[in-house]
Amino acid sequence: MMRESNLRRIVEVSMKRETGRKDIGIMTVRQALELPEVPSLEYSHPELNSRSDGRFLTRDQLEAYARCA
């Protein structure tokens, strides 16, 4: 079961490419998980400023975060 409070958090979604990263947009965790499953999509951590240090979550990691109690 997903936690509603975690689904409302904000993430930045980007696509990893050979030429670098293409920003897709800023959205809630819920909206990010509603996107099609594309392996090259990456998500900033909802509780960290991970964009600045280059750390991103995979879709599986974002789903796990949304389930956290």
N, C-alpha and C. Protein backbone atom coordinates (compact mmCIF):
# COMPACT_ATOMS: atom_id res chain seq x y z
N MET A 1 0.84 -1.18 0.00
CA MET A 1 0.00 0.00 0.00
C MET A 1 0.89 1.25 0.00
N MET A 2 0.54 2.21 -0.82
CA MET A 2 1.31 3.44 -0.92
C MET A 2 0.89 4.41 0.19
N ARG A 3 1.86 5.14 0.72
CA ARG A 3 1.56 6.18 1.72
C ARG A 3 1.19 7.46 1.00
N GLU A 4 0.04 7.98 1.32
CA GLU A 4 -0.45 9.20 0.66
C GLU A 4 0.51 10.37 0.83
N SER A 5 1.09 10.52 2.02
CA SER A 5 2.01 11.65 2.24
C SER A 5 3.25 11.53 1.36
N ASN A 6 3.73 10.33 1.11
CA ASN A 6 4.89 10.14 0.24
C ASN A 6 4.52 10.38 -1.22
N LEU A 7 3.31 10.04 -1.60
CA LEU A 7 2.88 10.24 -2.99
C LEU A 7 2.76 11.71 -3.34
N ARG A 8 2.62 12.58 -2.34
CA ARG A 8 2.48 14.02 -2.58
C ARG A 8 3.82 14.75 -2.63
N ARG A 9 4.88 14.08 -2.30
CA ARG A 9 6.22 14.71 -2.34
C ARG A 9 6.60 15.03 -3.78
N ILE A 10 7.53 15.95 -3.94
CA ILE A 10 7.95 16.42 -5.26
C ILE A 10 9.27 15.76 -5.68
N VAL A 11 9.33 15.37 -6.94
CA VAL A 11 10.56 14.82 -7.52
C VAL A 11 10.81 15.50 -8.87
N GLU A 12 12.05 15.45 -9.28
CA GLU A 12 12.40 15.90 -10.62
C GLU A 12 12.67 14.66 -11.46
N VAL A 13 12.05 14.59 -12.61
CA VAL A 13 12.19 13.43 -13.50
C VAL A 13 13.08 13.84 -14.66
N SER A 14 14.03 12.97 -14.98
CA SER A 14 14.90 13.22 -16.13
C SER A 14 15.14 11.92 -16.87
N MET A 15 15.61 12.06 -18.09
CA MET A 15 15.90 10.89 -18.92
C MET A 15 17.40 10.86 -19.17
N LYS A 16 18.01 9.72 -18.86
CA LYS A 16 19.44 9.54 -19.08
C LYS A 16 19.65 9.20 -20.55
N ARG A 17 20.55 9.95 -21.20
CA ARG A 17 20.87 9.74 -22.61
C ARG A 17 22.38 9.63 -22.78
N GLU A 18 22.80 9.17 -23.92
CA GLU A 18 24.24 9.08 -24.21
C GLU A 18 24.90 10.46 -24.17
N THR A 19 24.16 11.46 -24.57
CA THR A 19 24.69 12.83 -24.63
C THR A 19 24.49 13.60 -23.32
N GLY A 20 23.97 12.94 -22.30
CA GLY A 20 23.73 13.60 -21.02
C GLY A 20 22.33 13.34 -20.52
N ARG A 21 21.83 14.25 -19.74
CA ARG A 21 20.52 14.08 -19.12
C ARG A 21 19.56 15.11 -19.69
N LYS A 22 18.34 14.68 -20.00
CA LYS A 22 17.29 15.60 -20.48
C LYS A 22 16.23 15.70 -19.39
N ASP A 23 16.00 16.91 -18.92
CA ASP A 23 14.98 17.12 -17.90
C ASP A 23 13.59 16.91 -18.49
N ILE A 24 12.76 16.17 -17.77
CA ILE A 24 11.38 15.92 -18.19
C ILE A 24 10.43 16.87 -17.46
N GLY A 25 10.61 16.98 -16.14
CA GLY A 25 9.76 17.90 -15.39
C GLY A 25 9.78 17.64 -13.90
N ILE A 26 9.11 18.52 -13.19
CA ILE A 26 8.95 18.41 -11.75
C ILE A 26 7.51 18.02 -11.49
N MET A 27 7.32 17.00 -10.66
CA MET A 27 5.98 16.47 -10.41
C MET A 27 5.94 15.76 -9.07
N THR A 28 4.75 15.33 -8.68
CA THR A 28 4.62 14.56 -7.45
C THR A 28 5.09 13.13 -7.70
N VAL A 29 5.37 12.44 -6.63
CA VAL A 29 5.74 11.02 -6.74
C VAL A 29 4.62 10.25 -7.44
N ARG A 30 3.38 10.55 -7.10
CA ARG A 30 2.24 9.87 -7.75
C ARG A 30 2.27 10.07 -9.26
N GLN A 31 2.46 11.30 -9.71
CA GLN A 31 2.51 11.58 -11.14
C GLN A 31 3.69 10.88 -11.80
N ALA A 32 4.83 10.87 -11.13
CA ALA A 32 6.02 10.20 -11.68
C ALA A 32 5.76 8.71 -11.86
N LEU A 33 5.08 8.10 -10.90
CA LEU A 33 4.80 6.66 -11.00
C LEU A 33 3.71 6.36 -12.01
N GLU A 34 2.96 7.36 -12.44
CA GLU A 34 1.95 7.17 -13.48
C GLU A 34 2.55 7.26 -14.89
N LEU A 35 3.79 7.74 -14.99
CA LEU A 35 4.46 7.79 -16.29
C LEU A 35 4.70 6.37 -16.80
N PRO A 36 4.82 6.20 -18.10
CA PRO A 36 5.14 4.87 -18.64
C PRO A 36 6.47 4.36 -18.06
N GLU A 37 6.60 3.06 -17.95
CA GLU A 37 7.84 2.48 -17.45
C GLU A 37 8.89 2.54 -18.55
N VAL A 38 9.81 3.48 -18.40
CA VAL A 38 10.89 3.67 -19.36
C VAL A 38 12.20 3.53 -18.57
N PRO A 39 13.03 2.54 -18.94
CA PRO A 39 14.25 2.28 -18.16
C PRO A 39 15.19 3.47 -18.02
N SER A 40 15.18 4.40 -18.96
CA SER A 40 16.11 5.52 -18.90
C SER A 40 15.61 6.68 -18.04
N LEU A 41 14.39 6.59 -17.49
CA LEU A 41 13.91 7.64 -16.60
C LEU A 41 14.55 7.50 -15.23
N GLU A 42 14.91 8.64 -14.65
CA GLU A 42 15.48 8.69 -13.31
C GLU A 42 14.74 9.75 -12.52
N TYR A 43 14.77 9.59 -11.20
CA TYR A 43 13.97 10.44 -10.32
C TYR A 43 14.85 10.97 -9.19
N SER A 44 14.74 12.26 -8.88
CA SER A 44 15.46 12.79 -7.73
C SER A 44 14.81 12.23 -6.47
N HIS A 45 15.57 12.15 -5.39
CA HIS A 45 15.01 11.64 -4.13
C HIS A 45 14.07 12.69 -3.56
N PRO A 46 12.87 12.30 -3.15
CA PRO A 46 11.88 13.27 -2.66
C PRO A 46 12.30 14.01 -1.39
N GLU A 47 13.24 13.47 -0.63
CA GLU A 47 13.63 14.11 0.63
C GLU A 47 15.04 14.69 0.62
N LEU A 48 15.76 14.50 -0.47
CA LEU A 48 17.14 14.99 -0.56
C LEU A 48 17.28 15.88 -1.78
N ASN A 49 18.27 16.74 -1.76
CA ASN A 49 18.59 17.52 -2.95
C ASN A 49 19.58 16.70 -3.77
N SER A 50 19.13 15.55 -4.24
CA SER A 50 20.03 14.63 -4.93
C SER A 50 20.40 15.11 -6.33
N ARG A 51 19.65 16.01 -6.89
CA ARG A 51 19.98 16.53 -8.22
C ARG A 51 21.37 17.17 -8.22
N SER A 52 21.70 17.88 -7.15
CA SER A 52 22.97 18.59 -7.12
C SER A 52 24.17 17.66 -6.96
N ASP A 53 23.98 16.50 -6.35
CA ASP A 53 25.12 15.60 -6.18
C ASP A 53 25.09 14.41 -7.14
N GLY A 54 24.16 14.44 -8.09
CA GLY A 54 24.15 13.43 -9.14
C GLY A 54 23.52 12.10 -8.78
N ARG A 55 22.89 11.99 -7.61
CA ARG A 55 22.25 10.73 -7.23
C ARG A 55 20.78 10.75 -7.64
N PHE A 56 20.36 9.69 -8.29
CA PHE A 56 18.98 9.57 -8.73
C PHE A 56 18.44 8.20 -8.33
N LEU A 57 17.12 8.09 -8.26
CA LEU A 57 16.46 6.83 -7.96
C LEU A 57 15.96 6.18 -9.23
N THR A 58 15.90 4.85 -9.21
CA THR A 58 15.24 4.12 -10.29
C THR A 58 13.75 4.09 -9.98
N ARG A 59 12.95 3.64 -10.91
CA ARG A 59 11.51 3.52 -10.68
C ARG A 59 11.22 2.58 -9.51
N ASP A 60 11.92 1.45 -9.45
CA ASP A 60 11.72 0.50 -8.35
C ASP A 60 12.03 1.15 -7.00
N GLN A 61 13.09 1.94 -6.94
CA GLN A 61 13.43 2.63 -5.70
C GLN A 61 12.38 3.67 -5.33
N LEU A 62 11.85 4.36 -6.34
CA LEU A 62 10.81 5.35 -6.08
C LEU A 62 9.53 4.67 -5.57
N GLU A 63 9.18 3.54 -6.17
CA GLU A 63 8.02 2.78 -5.69
C GLU A 63 8.22 2.32 -4.25
N ALA A 64 9.42 1.86 -3.93
CA ALA A 64 9.72 1.43 -2.56
C ALA A 64 9.58 2.61 -1.60
N TYR A 65 10.06 3.78 -2.00
CA TYR A 65 9.93 4.98 -1.18
C TYR A 65 8.44 5.29 -0.93
N ALA A 66 7.62 5.19 -1.97
CA ALA A 66 6.20 5.51 -1.85
C ALA A 66 5.50 4.57 -0.86
N ARG A 67 6.03 3.37 -0.70
CA ARG A 67 5.43 2.39 0.22
C ARG A 67 5.93 2.52 1.65
N CYS A 68 7.02 3.25 1.88
CA CYS A 68 7.63 3.36 3.20
C CYS A 68 6.63 3.85 4.23
N ALA A 69 6.73 3.24 5.38
CA ALA A 69 5.85 3.64 6.49
C ALA A 69 6.54 4.66 7.37
